[in-house]
Amino acid sequence: MSTPDLPPDTIQRVLFVASSVHVYNIPPLTSTKGYSAASWTADNNKRQIFTARVRIIEDAIPHPDGSGEKLSTNVLLEDPSNGQLFAAAPYTSPSAVEAALDSSRFFAVRVVGEGGRKAVLGIGFEERSEAIDFGIALQEARKVHHMDVASAADGKIRGKGIAANRPEVKKDFSLKEGETIHVDLGLLGRRRKEPESSPDQGKDNQALFSIAPPPYVEKEGSNHSALPFLPPPPSGGKSEKRRSRPYTPPQADLGFDDGEFGEFQ
């Protein structure tokens, strides 16, 4: 069953369905941090009202002039046996459905009844996967209605308003009686002195050029001096021949004796 008073040409889209969800009559919120589901299921689920079917419905109502359509999203709590509407929560802001602090399967839903009466009911899913799908469907609805952008802009406006309401504190930087300011400019505006060279440094510079050049020998019959010629290296021809001769042992070592008692005498 959908929300009442809808035009016949309304287009509905089902974003989420869960057939078995526990509904709780939760106590008033006592902390600004959020709701805690531990007290909802205490005393053997004493606060549970009944088990309902939960649906998230997106309604698209066309404009009479055909210029577009009006979108609205509602979280419906229905009787699973006959589909009769028990309570509806218009999802107009992220605060309409808040997750519990101590469990990802429980949510606090702000429902609106007949005559505009409002109440906060708790719902609890038996399966964690259903609770995850429920949160994804709400996230999609927030994107369609641009709730996240509006919440961020609202937060910036509130921050600017708080900053504007703060009294401006003016600081006095004037000098009191008897106070002076000392400014040290250091070496600013002064010429830098050239470092004086020490006598030892002059000696070191002269030592670099203390090696005398080689002597020049003047040739006879020439008008210019030339360096002396060095003698050529010894010829290596004889040594190469000596090295290339094969070694011949003495005949005595080979068993031939040309002495007095030689065989060829």
Protein backbone atom coordinates (compact mmCIF):
# COMPACT_ATOMS: atom_id res chain seq x y z
CA MET A 1 0.00 0.00 0.00
CA SER A 2 1.41 3.40 -0.94
CA THR A 3 1.11 6.74 0.79
CA PRO A 4 -2.39 8.32 0.54
CA ASP A 5 -3.54 11.29 -1.52
CA LEU A 6 -1.40 10.57 -4.60
CA PRO A 7 -2.57 11.48 -8.12
CA PRO A 8 -3.50 8.54 -10.35
CA ASP A 9 -0.67 9.31 -12.80
CA THR A 10 1.99 8.99 -10.11
CA ILE A 11 4.92 6.77 -11.07
CA GLN A 12 6.32 4.72 -8.21
CA ARG A 13 9.69 3.00 -7.96
CA VAL A 14 10.52 0.48 -5.22
CA LEU A 15 14.04 1.03 -3.91
CA PHE A 16 14.00 -1.56 -1.10
CA VAL A 17 11.80 -4.31 0.38
CA ALA A 18 12.26 -6.37 3.57
CA SER A 19 9.45 -8.70 4.61
CA SER A 20 10.35 -9.20 8.29
CA VAL A 21 11.60 -6.22 10.31
CA HIS A 22 11.11 -5.74 14.05
CA VAL A 23 9.57 -2.43 15.16
CA TYR A 24 10.36 -1.01 18.63
CA ASN A 25 8.92 1.70 20.83
CA ILE A 26 12.23 3.31 21.76
CA PRO A 27 12.87 5.69 24.67
CA PRO A 28 13.53 9.40 24.06
CA LEU A 29 17.00 10.41 22.99
CA THR A 30 19.15 11.28 26.01
CA SER A 31 22.48 11.93 24.25
CA THR A 32 23.44 14.18 21.39
CA LYS A 33 25.69 11.43 20.00
CA GLY A 34 22.78 9.29 18.82
CA TYR A 35 20.65 6.25 19.62
CA SER A 36 21.80 3.06 21.33
CA ALA A 37 19.95 -0.14 20.40
CA ALA A 38 21.05 -2.10 23.47
CA SER A 39 18.05 -0.83 25.48
CA TRP A 40 15.58 -1.65 22.67
CA THR A 41 16.07 -5.40 22.97
CA ALA A 42 16.51 -5.49 26.75
CA ASP A 43 14.15 -7.51 28.99
CA ASN A 44 13.39 -10.09 26.29
CA ASN A 45 12.39 -7.53 23.62
CA LYS A 46 9.93 -5.82 25.94
CA ARG A 47 9.82 -2.72 23.71
CA GLN A 48 9.06 -4.56 20.47
CA ILE A 49 5.66 -3.58 18.99
CA PHE A 50 5.30 -6.00 16.10
CA THR A 51 7.04 -7.32 12.98
CA ALA A 52 6.42 -5.26 9.86
CA ARG A 53 7.30 -5.13 6.19
CA VAL A 54 9.57 -2.21 5.29
CA ARG A 55 9.62 -0.61 1.87
CA ILE A 56 11.34 2.44 0.44
CA ILE A 57 9.20 3.98 -2.31
CA GLU A 58 10.13 6.80 -4.68
CA ASP A 59 7.13 8.71 -6.06
CA ALA A 60 7.35 10.80 -9.24
CA ILE A 61 4.36 13.14 -9.59
CA PRO A 62 4.17 14.91 -12.99
CA HIS A 63 3.48 18.64 -13.08
CA PRO A 64 0.17 19.69 -14.67
CA ASP A 65 1.91 21.78 -17.31
CA GLY A 66 4.18 18.90 -18.29
CA SER A 67 7.36 20.81 -17.36
CA GLY A 68 8.69 18.02 -15.18
CA GLU A 69 7.90 15.94 -12.14
CA LYS A 70 8.12 16.17 -8.39
CA LEU A 71 10.11 13.45 -6.63
CA SER A 72 9.54 12.25 -3.06
CA THR A 73 10.85 9.29 -1.09
CA ASN A 74 9.10 7.58 1.83
CA VAL A 75 9.99 4.76 4.21
CA LEU A 76 6.82 2.70 4.77
CA LEU A 77 6.11 0.35 7.68
CA GLU A 78 3.31 -2.02 6.61
CA ASP A 79 1.46 -5.04 7.90
CA PRO A 80 3.12 -8.04 6.18
CA SER A 81 -0.15 -10.01 6.05
CA ASN A 82 -2.38 -7.52 4.19
CA GLY A 83 -0.09 -4.60 3.26
CA GLN A 84 -1.95 -2.07 5.38
CA LEU A 85 0.09 1.03 6.15
CA PHE A 86 1.16 1.27 9.79
CA ALA A 87 3.45 4.33 9.63
CA ALA A 88 5.28 6.37 7.00
CA ALA A 89 8.52 8.34 7.30
CA PRO A 90 9.04 11.01 4.60
CA TYR A 91 12.73 10.93 3.76
CA THR A 92 13.33 14.65 3.38
CA SER A 93 16.65 14.88 5.27
CA PRO A 94 19.36 12.47 6.44
CA SER A 95 18.14 12.89 10.04
CA ALA A 96 14.83 11.17 9.16
CA VAL A 97 16.59 7.79 9.45
CA GLU A 98 19.58 7.45 11.78
CA ALA A 99 21.70 4.35 12.32
CA ALA A 100 22.22 3.12 15.88
CA LEU A 101 25.60 3.66 17.46
CA ASP A 102 26.12 0.14 18.76
CA SER A 103 24.72 -1.99 15.93
CA SER A 104 24.58 -1.79 12.14
CA ARG A 105 21.24 -3.70 12.03
CA PHE A 106 19.18 -1.11 13.95
CA PHE A 107 17.87 2.29 12.86
CA ALA A 108 15.77 5.08 14.39
CA VAL A 109 12.99 6.26 12.02
CA ARG A 110 10.98 9.49 12.41
CA VAL A 111 7.46 8.63 11.28
CA VAL A 112 4.56 10.99 10.62
CA GLY A 113 1.03 9.82 11.41
CA GLU A 114 -2.44 11.20 10.75
CA GLY A 115 -2.82 14.86 11.64
CA GLY A 116 0.95 15.43 11.38
CA ARG A 117 1.78 13.66 14.61
CA LYS A 118 5.45 12.67 14.79
CA ALA A 119 7.14 9.86 16.64
CA VAL A 120 10.48 8.03 16.59
CA LEU A 121 10.34 4.26 16.15
CA GLY A 122 13.16 1.78 16.12
CA ILE A 123 13.52 -0.91 13.47
CA GLY A 124 15.84 -3.91 13.56
CA PHE A 125 16.76 -6.25 10.70
CA GLU A 126 17.35 -9.94 11.31
CA GLU A 127 19.99 -10.19 8.58
CA ARG A 128 22.94 -7.85 8.31
CA SER A 129 22.81 -8.00 4.50
CA GLU A 130 19.27 -6.53 4.57
CA ALA A 131 20.47 -3.65 6.75
CA ILE A 132 23.28 -2.96 4.27
CA ASP A 133 20.83 -2.89 1.35
CA PHE A 134 18.58 -0.57 3.35
CA GLY A 135 21.45 1.87 3.87
CA ILE A 136 22.42 1.73 0.16
CA ALA A 137 18.83 2.56 -0.88
CA LEU A 138 18.81 5.57 1.46
CA GLN A 139 22.16 6.68 0.02
CA GLU A 140 20.69 6.57 -3.50
CA ALA A 141 17.72 8.65 -2.35
CA ARG A 142 20.06 11.25 -0.86
CA LYS A 143 21.85 11.55 -4.20
CA VAL A 144 18.57 12.02 -6.08
CA HIS A 145 17.40 14.74 -3.69
CA HIS A 146 20.89 16.31 -3.34
CA MET A 147 20.72 16.00 0.45
CA ASP A 148 24.47 15.61 0.93
CA VAL A 149 25.17 18.84 -0.97
CA ALA A 150 22.50 20.70 0.98
CA SER A 151 23.86 19.41 4.29
CA ALA A 152 27.38 20.53 3.40
CA ALA A 153 26.13 23.99 2.36
CA ASP A 154 24.07 24.27 5.55
CA GLY A 155 27.14 23.42 7.61
CA LYS A 156 29.18 26.13 5.87
CA ILE A 157 26.43 28.71 6.45
CA ARG A 158 26.24 27.80 10.12
CA GLY A 159 30.01 28.04 10.43
CA LYS A 160 30.00 31.50 8.85
CA GLY A 161 27.19 32.60 11.15
CA ILE A 162 29.06 31.46 14.24
CA ALA A 163 32.22 33.22 13.09
CA ALA A 164 30.25 36.42 12.39
CA ASN A 165 28.67 36.38 15.85
CA ARG A 166 31.99 36.14 17.61
CA PRO A 167 33.18 39.47 19.01
CA GLU A 168 36.26 40.83 17.31
CA VAL A 169 39.18 41.13 19.69
CA LYS A 170 41.36 44.14 18.89
CA LYS A 171 45.02 43.99 19.85
CA ASP A 172 46.98 47.07 20.91
CA PHE A 173 50.46 47.14 19.34
CA SER A 174 51.29 50.75 20.34
CA LEU A 175 54.39 51.51 22.39
CA LYS A 176 53.83 52.15 26.05
CA GLU A 177 55.55 54.96 27.91
CA GLY A 178 59.25 54.28 28.30
CA GLU A 179 59.37 51.48 25.70
CA THR A 180 61.79 51.71 22.78
CA ILE A 181 62.50 49.69 19.68
CA HIS A 182 66.07 48.63 18.87
CA VAL A 183 66.81 47.72 15.25
CA ASP A 184 70.11 46.00 14.48
CA LEU A 185 71.00 46.45 10.80
CA GLY A 186 74.27 44.55 11.11
CA LEU A 187 76.65 45.12 8.18
CA LEU A 188 73.96 46.71 6.02
CA GLY A 189 75.38 49.78 4.15
CA ARG A 190 79.02 49.10 5.09
CA ARG A 191 81.76 48.21 2.65
CA ARG A 192 83.23 44.81 3.02
CA LYS A 193 86.95 44.81 3.71
CA GLU A 194 89.15 42.87 1.35
CA PRO A 195 91.03 40.11 3.16
CA GLU A 196 94.69 41.01 3.67
CA SER A 197 97.13 38.58 2.15
CA SER A 198 99.64 37.12 4.59
CA PRO A 199 103.36 36.81 3.81
CA ASP A 200 103.14 33.05 3.96
CA GLN A 201 100.51 33.08 1.26
CA GLY A 202 102.81 35.13 -1.02
CA LYS A 203 105.58 32.61 -0.51
CA ASP A 204 103.30 29.77 -1.47
CA ASN A 205 102.29 31.56 -4.66
CA GLN A 206 105.95 32.12 -5.57
CA ALA A 207 106.76 28.48 -4.88
CA LEU A 208 104.37 27.41 -7.60
CA PHE A 209 106.53 29.14 -10.24
CA SER A 210 109.99 28.48 -8.71
CA ILE A 211 110.87 25.60 -11.10
CA ALA A 212 113.32 26.89 -13.73
CA PRO A 213 112.76 26.02 -17.41
CA PRO A 214 115.17 23.59 -19.17
CA PRO A 215 118.40 25.13 -20.56
CA TYR A 216 118.61 26.07 -24.21
CA VAL A 217 121.63 25.17 -26.35
CA GLU A 218 122.51 27.39 -29.25
CA LYS A 219 123.58 25.58 -32.44
CA GLU A 220 126.54 26.71 -34.39
CA GLY A 221 125.69 28.62 -37.49
CA SER A 222 122.08 29.17 -36.50
CA ASN A 223 120.40 32.26 -35.21
CA HIS A 224 118.08 30.44 -32.81
CA SER A 225 118.59 28.19 -29.90
CA ALA A 226 117.32 24.63 -29.82
CA LEU A 227 117.04 21.86 -27.32
CA PRO A 228 119.97 19.38 -27.23
CA PHE A 229 119.47 16.16 -29.13
CA LEU A 230 119.41 12.97 -27.13
CA PRO A 231 121.47 10.03 -28.45
CA PRO A 232 119.41 7.39 -30.24
CA PRO A 233 118.68 4.16 -28.42
CA PRO A 234 120.94 1.19 -29.14
CA SER A 235 120.00 -0.84 -32.18
CA GLY A 236 118.08 -3.95 -31.39
CA GLY A 237 118.98 -5.87 -34.55
CA LYS A 238 121.89 -7.85 -33.12
CA SER A 239 120.05 -8.73 -30.02
CA GLU A 240 117.15 -10.02 -32.09
CA LYS A 241 119.54 -12.21 -34.12
CA ARG A 242 121.11 -13.55 -30.98
CA ARG A 243 117.76 -14.37 -29.57
CA SER A 244 116.65 -16.11 -32.75
CA ARG A 245 119.67 -18.54 -32.88
CA PRO A 246 118.84 -22.01 -31.63
CA TYR A 247 120.84 -23.30 -28.74
CA THR A 248 123.44 -25.89 -29.75
CA PRO A 249 124.92 -27.94 -26.93
CA PRO A 250 128.68 -28.76 -26.98
CA GLN A 251 129.75 -31.85 -28.90
CA ALA A 252 131.10 -33.40 -25.75
CA ASP A 253 127.61 -33.39 -24.34
CA LEU A 254 126.44 -35.29 -27.46
CA GLY A 255 129.03 -38.10 -27.05
CA PHE A 256 131.62 -36.88 -29.61
CA ASP A 257 135.20 -36.42 -28.42
CA ASP A 258 137.74 -34.79 -30.78
CA GLY A 259 140.49 -35.01 -28.24
CA GLU A 260 143.57 -37.06 -28.24
CA PHE A 261 141.73 -40.35 -28.27
CA GLY A 262 138.97 -39.24 -30.59
CA GLU A 263 137.35 -41.61 -32.96
CA PHE A 264 138.02 -39.48 -36.08
CA GLN A 265 141.67 -38.80 -35.36
